[in-house]
Protein backbone atom coordinates (compact mmCIF):
# COMPACT_ATOMS: atom_id res chain seq x y z
CA UNK A 1 17.16 7.09 -11.19
CA UNK A 2 18.04 7.74 -8.23
CA UNK A 3 15.67 8.98 -5.40
CA UNK A 4 14.62 12.27 -4.65
CA UNK A 5 13.93 14.15 -1.78
CA UNK A 6 10.10 14.37 -1.45
CA UNK A 7 8.26 16.95 -0.18
CA UNK A 8 4.96 17.41 1.14
CA UNK A 9 2.90 20.37 2.85
CA UNK A 10 4.52 18.86 6.30
CA UNK A 11 7.27 16.64 5.40
CA UNK A 12 10.60 16.35 3.85
CA UNK A 13 11.06 12.86 3.01
CA UNK A 14 14.66 12.56 1.99
CA UNK A 15 16.47 9.23 0.70
CA UNK A 16 17.46 6.73 3.26
CA UNK A 17 21.25 7.09 4.35
CA UNK A 18 23.96 5.90 6.63
CA UNK A 19 23.14 8.72 8.87
CA UNK A 20 19.34 7.57 9.58
CA UNK A 21 20.16 4.53 11.68
CA UNK A 22 19.96 5.40 14.75
CA UNK A 23 16.09 6.78 13.98
CA UNK A 24 15.15 3.89 12.75
CA UNK A 25 16.97 1.55 15.90
CA UNK A 26 14.51 4.35 17.76
CA UNK A 27 11.79 3.50 15.71
CA UNK A 28 11.92 -0.21 15.90
CA UNK A 29 12.63 -0.35 19.73
CA UNK A 30 8.75 0.75 20.17
CA UNK A 31 6.99 -2.79 20.56
CA UNK A 32 3.33 -0.69 19.20
CA UNK A 33 5.57 0.54 16.47
CA UNK A 34 5.74 -3.14 15.02
CA UNK A 35 2.92 -4.59 16.48
CA UNK A 36 1.37 -5.73 13.24
CA UNK A 37 4.61 -6.49 11.71
CA UNK A 38 6.73 -7.85 14.83
CA UNK A 39 4.51 -8.27 17.72
CA UNK A 40 7.72 -7.07 19.71
CA UNK A 41 10.42 -4.72 19.48
CA UNK A 42 13.49 -5.73 17.34
CA UNK A 43 17.33 -5.59 18.31
CA UNK A 44 19.56 -3.29 17.08
CA UNK A 45 21.20 -6.32 14.84
CA UNK A 46 18.29 -7.06 13.43
CA UNK A 47 17.40 -2.85 12.83
CA UNK A 48 21.27 -2.57 11.57
CA UNK A 49 20.68 -5.89 8.97
CA UNK A 50 17.23 -4.39 7.91
CA UNK A 51 18.89 -0.99 7.49
CA UNK A 52 21.95 -2.42 5.02
CA UNK A 53 19.15 -4.21 3.15
CA UNK A 54 17.07 -1.16 2.53
CA UNK A 55 20.29 1.03 0.88
CA UNK A 56 21.13 -1.61 -1.06
CA UNK A 57 18.22 -1.38 -2.70
CA UNK A 58 17.72 1.58 -2.81
CA UNK A 59 21.16 1.88 -4.60
CA UNK A 60 19.58 0.26 -7.49
CA UNK A 61 18.73 2.98 -9.57
CA UNK A 62 14.96 2.15 -10.52
CA UNK A 63 14.17 5.49 -7.97
CA UNK A 64 12.27 2.85 -5.48
CA UNK A 65 13.28 2.40 -2.16
CA UNK A 66 12.98 3.91 1.48
CA UNK A 67 12.97 7.41 2.85
CA UNK A 68 13.27 9.13 6.34
CA UNK A 69 10.08 11.40 6.87
CA UNK A 70 11.09 14.91 8.99
CA UNK A 71 8.62 17.73 10.10
CA UNK A 72 8.76 20.85 9.15
CA UNK A 73 10.92 21.77 12.69
CA UNK A 74 12.74 18.37 12.17
CA UNK A 75 11.06 16.53 13.96
CA UNK A 76 11.17 12.76 13.02
CA UNK A 77 8.56 11.38 12.15
CA UNK A 78 8.56 7.92 10.34
CA UNK A 79 10.16 5.48 7.54
CA UNK A 80 8.46 5.25 4.20
CA UNK A 81 9.07 2.63 1.96
CA UNK A 82 8.20 1.85 -1.66
CA UNK A 83 10.51 -0.46 -2.52
CA UNK A 84 9.82 -2.71 -5.82
CA UNK A 85 7.62 -5.40 -6.27
CA UNK A 86 8.95 -8.73 -8.02
CA UNK A 87 6.17 -8.09 -10.46
CA UNK A 88 7.50 -5.38 -13.43
CA UNK A 89 5.99 -2.17 -12.85
CA UNK A 90 5.26 -2.82 -9.69
CA UNK A 91 6.05 -1.38 -6.00
CA UNK A 92 4.94 -2.09 -2.59
CA UNK A 93 3.67 1.09 -0.50
CA UNK A 94 4.75 1.43 3.02
CA UNK A 95 5.02 3.54 6.44
CA UNK A 96 6.28 3.31 9.72
CA UNK A 97 5.88 6.06 11.89
CA UNK A 98 6.94 7.38 15.24
CA UNK A 99 3.80 6.62 17.90
CA UNK A 100 4.23 10.25 19.13
CA UNK A 101 3.05 11.45 15.19
CA UNK A 102 0.10 8.98 15.35
CA UNK A 103 -3.25 10.41 14.18
CA UNK A 104 -1.97 13.57 12.68
CA UNK A 105 -2.40 12.10 8.86
CA UNK A 106 1.37 11.97 8.19
CA UNK A 107 0.86 8.13 7.10
CA UNK A 108 -1.69 9.62 4.44
CA UNK A 109 0.06 12.41 3.23
CA UNK A 110 3.00 10.58 2.63
CA UNK A 111 1.43 7.69 0.73
CA UNK A 112 -0.03 10.25 -1.56
CA UNK A 113 3.37 11.83 -2.35
CA UNK A 114 5.12 8.10 -2.71
CA UNK A 115 2.09 7.23 -5.18
CA UNK A 116 2.38 10.59 -6.79
CA UNK A 117 5.73 10.10 -7.58
CA UNK A 118 5.61 6.34 -8.28
CA UNK A 119 3.19 6.88 -11.09
CA UNK A 120 3.97 10.24 -12.15
CA UNK A 121 8.03 10.16 -11.73
CA UNK A 122 8.99 6.16 -11.55
CA UNK A 123 7.50 4.61 -14.33
CA UNK A 124 5.61 2.62 -11.63
CA UNK A 125 1.91 0.56 -13.60
CA UNK A 126 1.06 -0.54 -10.07
CA UNK A 127 1.61 0.09 -5.99
CA UNK A 128 0.25 -2.23 -3.15
CA UNK A 129 0.24 -2.34 -0.21
CA UNK A 130 -0.06 -5.51 2.45
CA UNK A 131 -0.51 -5.62 6.24
CA UNK A 132 -2.48 -7.86 8.76
CA UNK A 133 -6.34 -8.00 8.44
CA UNK A 134 -6.96 -6.68 11.79
CA UNK A 135 -5.04 -3.64 11.48
CA UNK A 136 -7.66 -0.94 11.09
CA UNK A 137 -6.00 1.79 11.06
CA UNK A 138 -3.59 0.68 8.07
CA UNK A 139 -6.33 -0.43 6.16
CA UNK A 140 -7.82 3.33 6.58
CA UNK A 141 -4.82 4.85 4.94
CA UNK A 142 -4.72 2.49 1.92
CA UNK A 143 -8.49 3.09 1.46
CA UNK A 144 -8.48 6.51 2.40
CA UNK A 145 -5.29 7.47 -0.70
CA UNK A 146 -7.23 5.23 -3.11
CA UNK A 147 -5.92 1.79 -3.13
CA UNK A 148 -8.79 -0.79 -3.36
CA UNK A 149 -9.21 -3.82 -1.14
CA UNK A 150 -7.74 -7.21 -3.47
CA UNK A 151 -7.52 -10.03 -1.02
CA UNK A 152 -7.04 -11.77 2.37
CA UNK A 153 -4.25 -14.43 2.01
CA UNK A 154 -2.83 -16.64 4.93
CA UNK A 155 1.28 -16.24 5.22
CA UNK A 156 3.47 -18.00 7.29
CA UNK A 157 3.21 -14.95 9.90
CA UNK A 158 4.73 -15.49 13.54
CA UNK A 159 2.76 -15.87 15.96
CA UNK A 160 1.35 -12.71 17.24
CA UNK A 161 -2.43 -11.53 17.97
CA UNK A 162 -4.36 -11.47 14.79
CA UNK A 163 -2.47 -13.21 13.13
CA UNK A 164 -4.91 -16.55 12.34
CA UNK A 165 -7.27 -13.78 10.35
CA UNK A 166 -4.62 -13.22 7.81
CA UNK A 167 -3.05 -10.29 6.33
CA UNK A 168 -4.64 -8.14 3.21
CA UNK A 169 -3.59 -6.58 0.27
CA UNK A 170 -4.80 -3.50 -1.54
CA UNK A 171 -3.47 -2.01 -5.08
CA UNK A 172 -4.31 0.90 -7.10
CA UNK A 173 -3.01 0.82 -10.77
CA UNK A 174 -1.71 4.09 -12.61
CA UNK A 175 -4.88 4.71 -14.54
CA UNK A 176 -6.94 4.68 -11.36
CA UNK A 177 -4.60 7.18 -9.37
CA UNK A 178 -4.95 9.47 -12.63
CA UNK A 179 -8.72 8.90 -12.98
CA UNK A 180 -9.18 9.62 -9.23
CA UNK A 181 -11.28 12.60 -8.66
């Protein structure tokens, strides 16, 4: 199964390809975008390495992977993620948006479409999402789209502000997704 182009009311999400590298470099050059991931901007070489790994992951044929989101006018919105987890039937939801489109509901809109796709087309049974405990914005998106708090944990994080409070995991099952009101 290849990754399809996904659509929402305001976005078109196309499978990540080499033509998107410069957009990823631009996105990761903003330290605020990466505040809760790396605590700093990333170099072009770091982005290229991640981009290459994402392309390989997207070629597995399971329909999971990475998408670039664009608005109706072609404006770049961000990188949307649904890679597989090691647990069979599980994927990880993620999003990284350009700062110029923050607080417009794009993360929630994209997340709802990725969850729909995961459960209704890609055959997933569980989707998880993780963020730093202090990332209130991302946690609000996770809750808004139906994910539920699972746990707080303390992985070996880079020493960035808030890392001492750990990470949180949220999750939703296919049954919970289908039963939502």
